[in-house]
Amino acid sequence: MASPVKTFLTANDFTGKTIVPFCTHGGGGASSTYTDMQKLTPGAKVTEGYTSYENSAKDSEITEWINKLKL
């Protein structure tokens, strides 16, 4: 997780909020990013994330992911 994102998550109170994460990467994948987000934001709900390698994201995949979240 990028340091600015980590700082933002720890500096704010997300209690009762829903966090919908997505990750773009150049080869390392999401790794533990989404579980780390949950640990850094106690009281928040972190949904299933979307991960895309470089510019490989497809509109249809993103739409499917968003619909699956049922927000």
PDB file of N, CA and C in Angstrom:
ATOM      1  N   MET A   1       0.846  -1.161   0.000  1.00  0.00           N
ATOM      2  CA  MET A   1       0.000   0.000   0.000  1.00  0.00           C
ATOM      3  C   MET A   1       0.903   1.239   0.000  1.00  0.00           C
ATOM      4  N   ALA A   2       0.548   2.205  -0.798  1.00  0.00           N
ATOM      5  CA  ALA A   2       1.326   3.437  -0.866  1.00  0.00           C
ATOM      6  C   ALA A   2       1.266   4.177   0.465  1.00  0.00           C
ATOM      7  N   SER A   3       2.370   4.751   0.860  1.00  0.00           N
ATOM      8  CA  SER A   3       2.446   5.463   2.136  1.00  0.00           C
ATOM      9  C   SER A   3       1.387   6.553   2.297  1.00  0.00           C
ATOM     10  N   PRO A   4       1.098   7.365   1.272  1.00  0.00           N
ATOM     11  CA  PRO A   4       0.052   8.380   1.438  1.00  0.00           C
ATOM     12  C   PRO A   4      -1.333   7.780   1.729  1.00  0.00           C
ATOM     13  N   VAL A   5      -1.624   6.624   1.152  1.00  0.00           N
ATOM     14  CA  VAL A   5      -2.905   5.962   1.420  1.00  0.00           C
ATOM     15  C   VAL A   5      -2.937   5.480   2.864  1.00  0.00           C
ATOM     16  N   LYS A   6      -1.853   4.884   3.310  1.00  0.00           N
ATOM     17  CA  LYS A   6      -1.761   4.398   4.690  1.00  0.00           C
ATOM     18  C   LYS A   6      -1.926   5.561   5.671  1.00  0.00           C
ATOM     19  N   THR A   7      -1.271   6.680   5.391  1.00  0.00           N
ATOM     20  CA  THR A   7      -1.386   7.858   6.246  1.00  0.00           C
ATOM     21  C   THR A   7      -2.826   8.367   6.286  1.00  0.00           C
ATOM     22  N   PHE A   8      -3.467   8.434   5.135  1.00  0.00           N
ATOM     23  CA  PHE A   8      -4.850   8.892   5.060  1.00  0.00           C
ATOM     24  C   PHE A   8      -5.773   7.997   5.880  1.00  0.00           C
ATOM     25  N   LEU A   9      -5.599   6.692   5.760  1.00  0.00           N
ATOM     26  CA  LEU A   9      -6.464   5.755   6.478  1.00  0.00           C
ATOM     27  C   LEU A   9      -6.270   5.850   7.991  1.00  0.00           C
ATOM     28  N   THR A  10      -5.048   6.011   8.434  1.00  0.00           N
ATOM     29  CA  THR A  10      -4.799   6.064   9.877  1.00  0.00           C
ATOM     30  C   THR A  10      -5.126   7.430  10.481  1.00  0.00           C
ATOM     31  N   ALA A  11      -5.147   8.473   9.673  1.00  0.00           N
ATOM     32  CA  ALA A  11      -5.402   9.828  10.173  1.00  0.00           C
ATOM     33  C   ALA A  11      -6.885  10.170  10.251  1.00  0.00           C
ATOM     34  N   ASN A  12      -7.742   9.300   9.750  1.00  0.00           N
ATOM     35  CA  ASN A  12      -9.170   9.588   9.708  1.00  0.00           C
ATOM     36  C   ASN A  12      -9.970   8.471  10.366  1.00  0.00           C
ATOM     37  N   ASP A  13     -11.152   8.841  10.848  1.00  0.00           N
ATOM     38  CA  ASP A  13     -12.037   7.870  11.498  1.00  0.00           C
ATOM     39  C   ASP A  13     -13.047   7.359  10.474  1.00  0.00           C
ATOM     40  N   PHE A  14     -12.981   6.083  10.178  1.00  0.00           N
ATOM     41  CA  PHE A  14     -13.874   5.478   9.194  1.00  0.00           C
ATOM     42  C   PHE A  14     -14.935   4.599   9.847  1.00  0.00           C
ATOM     43  N   THR A  15     -15.148   4.770  11.136  1.00  0.00           N
ATOM     44  CA  THR A  15     -16.147   3.989  11.855  1.00  0.00           C
ATOM     45  C   THR A  15     -17.508   4.139  11.189  1.00  0.00           C
ATOM     46  N   GLY A  16     -18.139   3.003  10.883  1.00  0.00           N
ATOM     47  CA  GLY A  16     -19.451   3.010  10.251  1.00  0.00           C
ATOM     48  C   GLY A  16     -19.433   3.282   8.757  1.00  0.00           C
ATOM     49  N   LYS A  17     -18.270   3.445   8.185  1.00  0.00           N
ATOM     50  CA  LYS A  17     -18.144   3.727   6.753  1.00  0.00           C
ATOM     51  C   LYS A  17     -17.833   2.447   5.981  1.00  0.00           C
ATOM     52  N   THR A  18     -18.104   2.492   4.689  1.00  0.00           N
ATOM     53  CA  THR A  18     -17.755   1.398   3.786  1.00  0.00           C
ATOM     54  C   THR A  18     -16.642   1.884   2.872  1.00  0.00           C
ATOM     55  N   ILE A  19     -15.574   1.120   2.805  1.00  0.00           N
ATOM     56  CA  ILE A  19     -14.445   1.439   1.944  1.00  0.00           C
ATOM     57  C   ILE A  19     -14.453   0.454   0.786  1.00  0.00           C
ATOM     58  N   VAL A  20     -14.433   0.986  -0.426  1.00  0.00           N
ATOM     59  CA  VAL A  20     -14.453   0.167  -1.640  1.00  0.00           C
ATOM     60  C   VAL A  20     -13.096   0.352  -2.326  1.00  0.00           C
ATOM     61  N   PRO A  21     -12.145  -0.543  -2.045  1.00  0.00           N
ATOM     62  CA  PRO A  21     -10.790  -0.342  -2.554  1.00  0.00           C
ATOM     63  C   PRO A  21     -10.566  -0.908  -3.953  1.00  0.00           C
ATOM     64  N   PHE A  22      -9.627  -0.275  -4.634  1.00  0.00           N
ATOM     65  CA  PHE A  22      -9.158  -0.823  -5.904  1.00  0.00           C
ATOM     66  C   PHE A  22      -7.653  -0.618  -5.953  1.00  0.00           C
ATOM     67  N   CYS A  23      -6.995  -1.431  -6.717  1.00  0.00           N
ATOM     68  CA  CYS A  23      -5.542  -1.410  -6.765  1.00  0.00           C
ATOM     69  C   CYS A  23      -5.075  -1.553  -8.207  1.00  0.00           C
ATOM     70  N   THR A  24      -4.189  -0.663  -8.612  1.00  0.00           N
ATOM     71  CA  THR A  24      -3.493  -0.838  -9.882  1.00  0.00           C
ATOM     72  C   THR A  24      -2.038  -1.130  -9.530  1.00  0.00           C
ATOM     73  N   HIS A  25      -1.405  -1.978 -10.312  1.00  0.00           N
ATOM     74  CA  HIS A  25      -0.037  -2.362  -9.984  1.00  0.00           C
ATOM     75  C   HIS A  25       0.749  -2.694 -11.235  1.00  0.00           C
ATOM     76  N   GLY A  26       2.047  -2.760 -11.063  1.00  0.00           N
ATOM     77  CA  GLY A  26       2.928  -3.073 -12.178  1.00  0.00           C
ATOM     78  C   GLY A  26       3.504  -4.470 -12.119  1.00  0.00           C
ATOM     79  N   GLY A  27       2.955  -5.319 -11.260  1.00  0.00           N
ATOM     80  CA  GLY A  27       3.418  -6.694 -11.212  1.00  0.00           C
ATOM     81  C   GLY A  27       3.379  -7.324  -9.840  1.00  0.00           C
ATOM     82  N   GLY A  28       3.231  -6.539  -8.788  1.00  0.00           N
ATOM     83  CA  GLY A  28       3.237  -7.092  -7.446  1.00  0.00           C
ATOM     84  C   GLY A  28       1.876  -7.539  -6.948  1.00  0.00           C
ATOM     85  N   GLY A  29       0.828  -7.205  -7.669  1.00  0.00           N
ATOM     86  CA  GLY A  29      -0.523  -7.561  -7.240  1.00  0.00           C
ATOM     87  C   GLY A  29      -0.963  -6.754  -6.032  1.00  0.00           C
ATOM     88  N   ALA A  30      -2.115  -7.080  -5.519  1.00  0.00           N
ATOM     89  CA  ALA A  30      -2.662  -6.363  -4.370  1.00  0.00           C
ATOM     90  C   ALA A  30      -2.011  -6.827  -3.073  1.00  0.00           C
ATOM     91  N   SER A  31      -1.416  -8.023  -3.105  1.00  0.00           N
ATOM     92  CA  SER A  31      -0.778  -8.588  -1.921  1.00  0.00           C
ATOM     93  C   SER A  31      -1.738  -8.555  -0.741  1.00  0.00           C
ATOM     94  N   SER A  32      -1.348  -7.938   0.352  1.00  0.00           N
ATOM     95  CA  SER A  32      -2.210  -7.886   1.542  1.00  0.00           C
ATOM     96  C   SER A  32      -2.886  -6.523   1.702  1.00  0.00           C
ATOM     97  N   THR A  33      -2.940  -5.754   0.633  1.00  0.00           N
ATOM     98  CA  THR A  33      -3.467  -4.389   0.705  1.00  0.00           C
ATOM     99  C   THR A  33      -4.851  -4.319   1.330  1.00  0.00           C
ATOM    100  N   TYR A  34      -5.769  -5.162   0.894  1.00  0.00           N
ATOM    101  CA  TYR A  34      -7.151  -5.052   1.356  1.00  0.00           C
ATOM    102  C   TYR A  34      -7.298  -5.494   2.815  1.00  0.00           C
ATOM    103  N   THR A  35      -6.584  -6.515   3.221  1.00  0.00           N
ATOM    104  CA  THR A  35      -6.640  -6.919   4.633  1.00  0.00           C
ATOM    105  C   THR A  35      -5.925  -5.895   5.508  1.00  0.00           C
ATOM    106  N   ASP A  36      -4.867  -5.293   4.996  1.00  0.00           N
ATOM    107  CA  ASP A  36      -4.188  -4.226   5.742  1.00  0.00           C
ATOM    108  C   ASP A  36      -5.110  -3.019   5.915  1.00  0.00           C
ATOM    109  N   MET A  37      -5.888  -2.706   4.884  1.00  0.00           N
ATOM    110  CA  MET A  37      -6.843  -1.601   4.993  1.00  0.00           C
ATOM    111  C   MET A  37      -7.838  -1.860   6.120  1.00  0.00           C
ATOM    112  N   GLN A  38      -8.317  -3.086   6.216  1.00  0.00           N
ATOM    113  CA  GLN A  38      -9.271  -3.427   7.267  1.00  0.00           C
ATOM    114  C   GLN A  38      -8.624  -3.255   8.642  1.00  0.00           C
ATOM    115  N   LYS A  39      -7.376  -3.642   8.773  1.00  0.00           N
ATOM    116  CA  LYS A  39      -6.677  -3.499  10.050  1.00  0.00           C
ATOM    117  C   LYS A  39      -6.465  -2.033  10.425  1.00  0.00           C
ATOM    118  N   LEU A  40      -6.247  -1.185   9.430  1.00  0.00           N
ATOM    119  CA  LEU A  40      -5.984   0.238   9.676  1.00  0.00           C
ATOM    120  C   LEU A  40      -7.254   1.050   9.916  1.00  0.00           C
ATOM    121  N   THR A  41      -8.409   0.462   9.620  1.00  0.00           N
ATOM    122  CA  THR A  41      -9.672   1.194   9.742  1.00  0.00           C
ATOM    123  C   THR A  41     -10.672   0.420  10.595  1.00  0.00           C
ATOM    124  N   PRO A  42     -10.382   0.259  11.885  1.00  0.00           N
ATOM    125  CA  PRO A  42     -11.313  -0.477  12.740  1.00  0.00           C
ATOM    126  C   PRO A  42     -12.678   0.197  12.745  1.00  0.00           C
ATOM    127  N   GLY A  43     -13.708  -0.614  12.685  1.00  0.00           N
ATOM    128  CA  GLY A  43     -15.067  -0.086  12.666  1.00  0.00           C
ATOM    129  C   GLY A  43     -15.600   0.185  11.273  1.00  0.00           C
ATOM    130  N   ALA A  44     -14.748   0.059  10.272  1.00  0.00           N
ATOM    131  CA  ALA A  44     -15.174   0.253   8.886  1.00  0.00           C
ATOM    132  C   ALA A  44     -15.387  -1.104   8.229  1.00  0.00           C
ATOM    133  N   LYS A  45     -16.174  -1.106   7.172  1.00  0.00           N
ATOM    134  CA  LYS A  45     -16.345  -2.307   6.353  1.00  0.00           C
ATOM    135  C   LYS A  45     -15.518  -2.101   5.088  1.00  0.00           C
ATOM    136  N   VAL A  46     -14.585  -2.998   4.836  1.00  0.00           N
ATOM    137  CA  VAL A  46     -13.784  -2.947   3.613  1.00  0.00           C
ATOM    138  C   VAL A  46     -14.312  -4.042   2.692  1.00  0.00           C
ATOM    139  N   THR A  47     -14.829  -3.643   1.548  1.00  0.00           N
ATOM    140  CA  THR A  47     -15.408  -4.607   0.611  1.00  0.00           C
ATOM    141  C   THR A  47     -14.316  -5.343  -0.156  1.00  0.00           C
ATOM    142  N   GLU A  48     -14.751  -6.293  -0.950  1.00  0.00           N
ATOM    143  CA  GLU A  48     -13.844  -6.968  -1.876  1.00  0.00           C
ATOM    144  C   GLU A  48     -13.255  -5.910  -2.808  1.00  0.00           C
ATOM    145  N   GLY A  49     -11.963  -5.965  -2.999  1.00  0.00           N
ATOM    146  CA  GLY A  49     -11.307  -4.977  -3.847  1.00  0.00           C
ATOM    147  C   GLY A  49     -11.236  -5.398  -5.301  1.00  0.00           C
ATOM    148  N   TYR A  50     -10.902  -4.447  -6.145  1.00  0.00           N
ATOM    149  CA  TYR A  50     -10.666  -4.712  -7.566  1.00  0.00           C
ATOM    150  C   TYR A  50      -9.189  -4.456  -7.825  1.00  0.00           C
ATOM    151  N   THR A  51      -8.533  -5.382  -8.485  1.00  0.00           N
ATOM    152  CA  THR A  51      -7.108  -5.266  -8.776  1.00  0.00           C
ATOM    153  C   THR A  51      -6.877  -5.339 -10.276  1.00  0.00           C
ATOM    154  N   SER A  52      -6.078  -4.409 -10.772  1.00  0.00           N
ATOM    155  CA  SER A  52      -5.789  -4.358 -12.201  1.00  0.00           C
ATOM    156  C   SER A  52      -4.290  -4.202 -12.422  1.00  0.00           C
ATOM    157  N   TYR A  53      -3.770  -5.004 -13.303  1.00  0.00           N
ATOM    158  CA  TYR A  53      -2.368  -4.893 -13.696  1.00  0.00           C
ATOM    159  C   TYR A  53      -2.223  -3.818 -14.761  1.00  0.00           C
ATOM    160  N   GLU A  54      -1.403  -2.814 -14.466  1.00  0.00           N
ATOM    161  CA  GLU A  54      -1.148  -1.692 -15.367  1.00  0.00           C
ATOM    162  C   GLU A  54      -2.447  -1.202 -16.005  1.00  0.00           C
ATOM    163  N   ASN A  55      -2.566  -1.269 -17.307  1.00  0.00           N
ATOM    164  CA  ASN A  55      -3.766  -0.741 -17.980  1.00  0.00           C
ATOM    165  C   ASN A  55      -4.683  -1.868 -18.471  1.00  0.00           C
ATOM    166  N   SER A  56      -4.738  -2.968 -17.735  1.00  0.00           N
ATOM    167  CA  SER A  56      -5.515  -4.116 -18.194  1.00  0.00           C
ATOM    168  C   SER A  56      -6.977  -4.112 -17.741  1.00  0.00           C
ATOM    169  N   ALA A  57      -7.392  -3.107 -16.982  1.00  0.00           N
ATOM    170  CA  ALA A  57      -8.775  -3.058 -16.499  1.00  0.00           C
ATOM    171  C   ALA A  57      -9.750  -2.992 -17.678  1.00  0.00           C
ATOM    172  N   LYS A  58     -10.832  -3.727 -17.551  1.00  0.00           N
ATOM    173  CA  LYS A  58     -11.868  -3.737 -18.589  1.00  0.00           C
ATOM    174  C   LYS A  58     -13.158  -3.197 -17.985  1.00  0.00           C
ATOM    175  N   ASP A  59     -13.851  -2.366 -18.733  1.00  0.00           N
ATOM    176  CA  ASP A  59     -15.106  -1.792 -18.254  1.00  0.00           C
ATOM    177  C   ASP A  59     -16.071  -2.870 -17.777  1.00  0.00           C
ATOM    178  N   SER A  60     -16.154  -3.967 -18.511  1.00  0.00           N
ATOM    179  CA  SER A  60     -17.099  -5.024 -18.154  1.00  0.00           C
ATOM    180  C   SER A  60     -16.725  -5.667 -16.812  1.00  0.00           C
ATOM    181  N   GLU A  61     -15.419  -5.847 -16.555  1.00  0.00           N
ATOM    182  CA  GLU A  61     -14.980  -6.409 -15.278  1.00  0.00           C
ATOM    183  C   GLU A  61     -15.285  -5.455 -14.121  1.00  0.00           C
ATOM    184  N   ILE A  62     -15.052  -4.175 -14.341  1.00  0.00           N
ATOM    185  CA  ILE A  62     -15.316  -3.188 -13.300  1.00  0.00           C
ATOM    186  C   ILE A  62     -16.808  -3.122 -12.997  1.00  0.00           C
ATOM    187  N   THR A  63     -17.632  -3.135 -14.038  1.00  0.00           N
ATOM    188  CA  THR A  63     -19.085  -3.122 -13.846  1.00  0.00           C
ATOM    189  C   THR A  63     -19.535  -4.359 -13.078  1.00  0.00           C
ATOM    190  N   GLU A  64     -19.007  -5.519 -13.429  1.00  0.00           N
ATOM    191  CA  GLU A  64     -19.348  -6.768 -12.738  1.00  0.00           C
ATOM    192  C   GLU A  64     -18.942  -6.682 -11.259  1.00  0.00           C
ATOM    193  N   TRP A  65     -17.753  -6.172 -10.988  1.00  0.00           N
ATOM    194  CA  TRP A  65     -17.262  -6.018  -9.613  1.00  0.00           C
ATOM    195  C   TRP A  65     -18.184  -5.089  -8.808  1.00  0.00           C
ATOM    196  N   ILE A  66     -18.509  -3.938  -9.378  1.00  0.00           N
ATOM    197  CA  ILE A  66     -19.364  -2.978  -8.677  1.00  0.00           C
ATOM    198  C   ILE A  66     -20.746  -3.589  -8.401  1.00  0.00           C
ATOM    199  N   ASN A  67     -21.329  -4.243  -9.390  1.00  0.00           N
ATOM    200  CA  ASN A  67     -22.644  -4.860  -9.198  1.00  0.00           C
ATOM    201  C   ASN A  67     -22.610  -5.953  -8.136  1.00  0.00           C
ATOM    202  N   LYS A  68     -21.516  -6.693  -8.087  1.00  0.00           N
ATOM    203  CA  LYS A  68     -21.378  -7.781  -7.119  1.00  0.00           C
ATOM    204  C   LYS A  68     -21.336  -7.251  -5.680  1.00  0.00           C
ATOM    205  N   LEU A  69     -20.886  -6.002  -5.496  1.00  0.00           N
ATOM    206  CA  LEU A  69     -20.797  -5.412  -4.164  1.00  0.00           C
ATOM    207  C   LEU A  69     -22.168  -5.071  -3.579  1.00  0.00           C
ATOM    208  N   LYS A  70     -23.159  -4.897  -4.446  1.00  0.00           N
ATOM    209  CA  LYS A  70     -24.536  -4.586  -4.009  1.00  0.00           C
ATOM    210  C   LYS A  70     -24.589  -3.419  -3.035  1.00  0.00           C
ATOM    211  N   LEU A  71     -23.999  -2.319  -3.427  1.00  0.00           N
ATOM    212  CA  LEU A  71     -23.984  -1.115  -2.584  1.00  0.00           C
ATOM    213  C   LEU A  71     -25.228  -0.275  -2.797  1.00  0.00           C
TER     214      LEU A  71
END
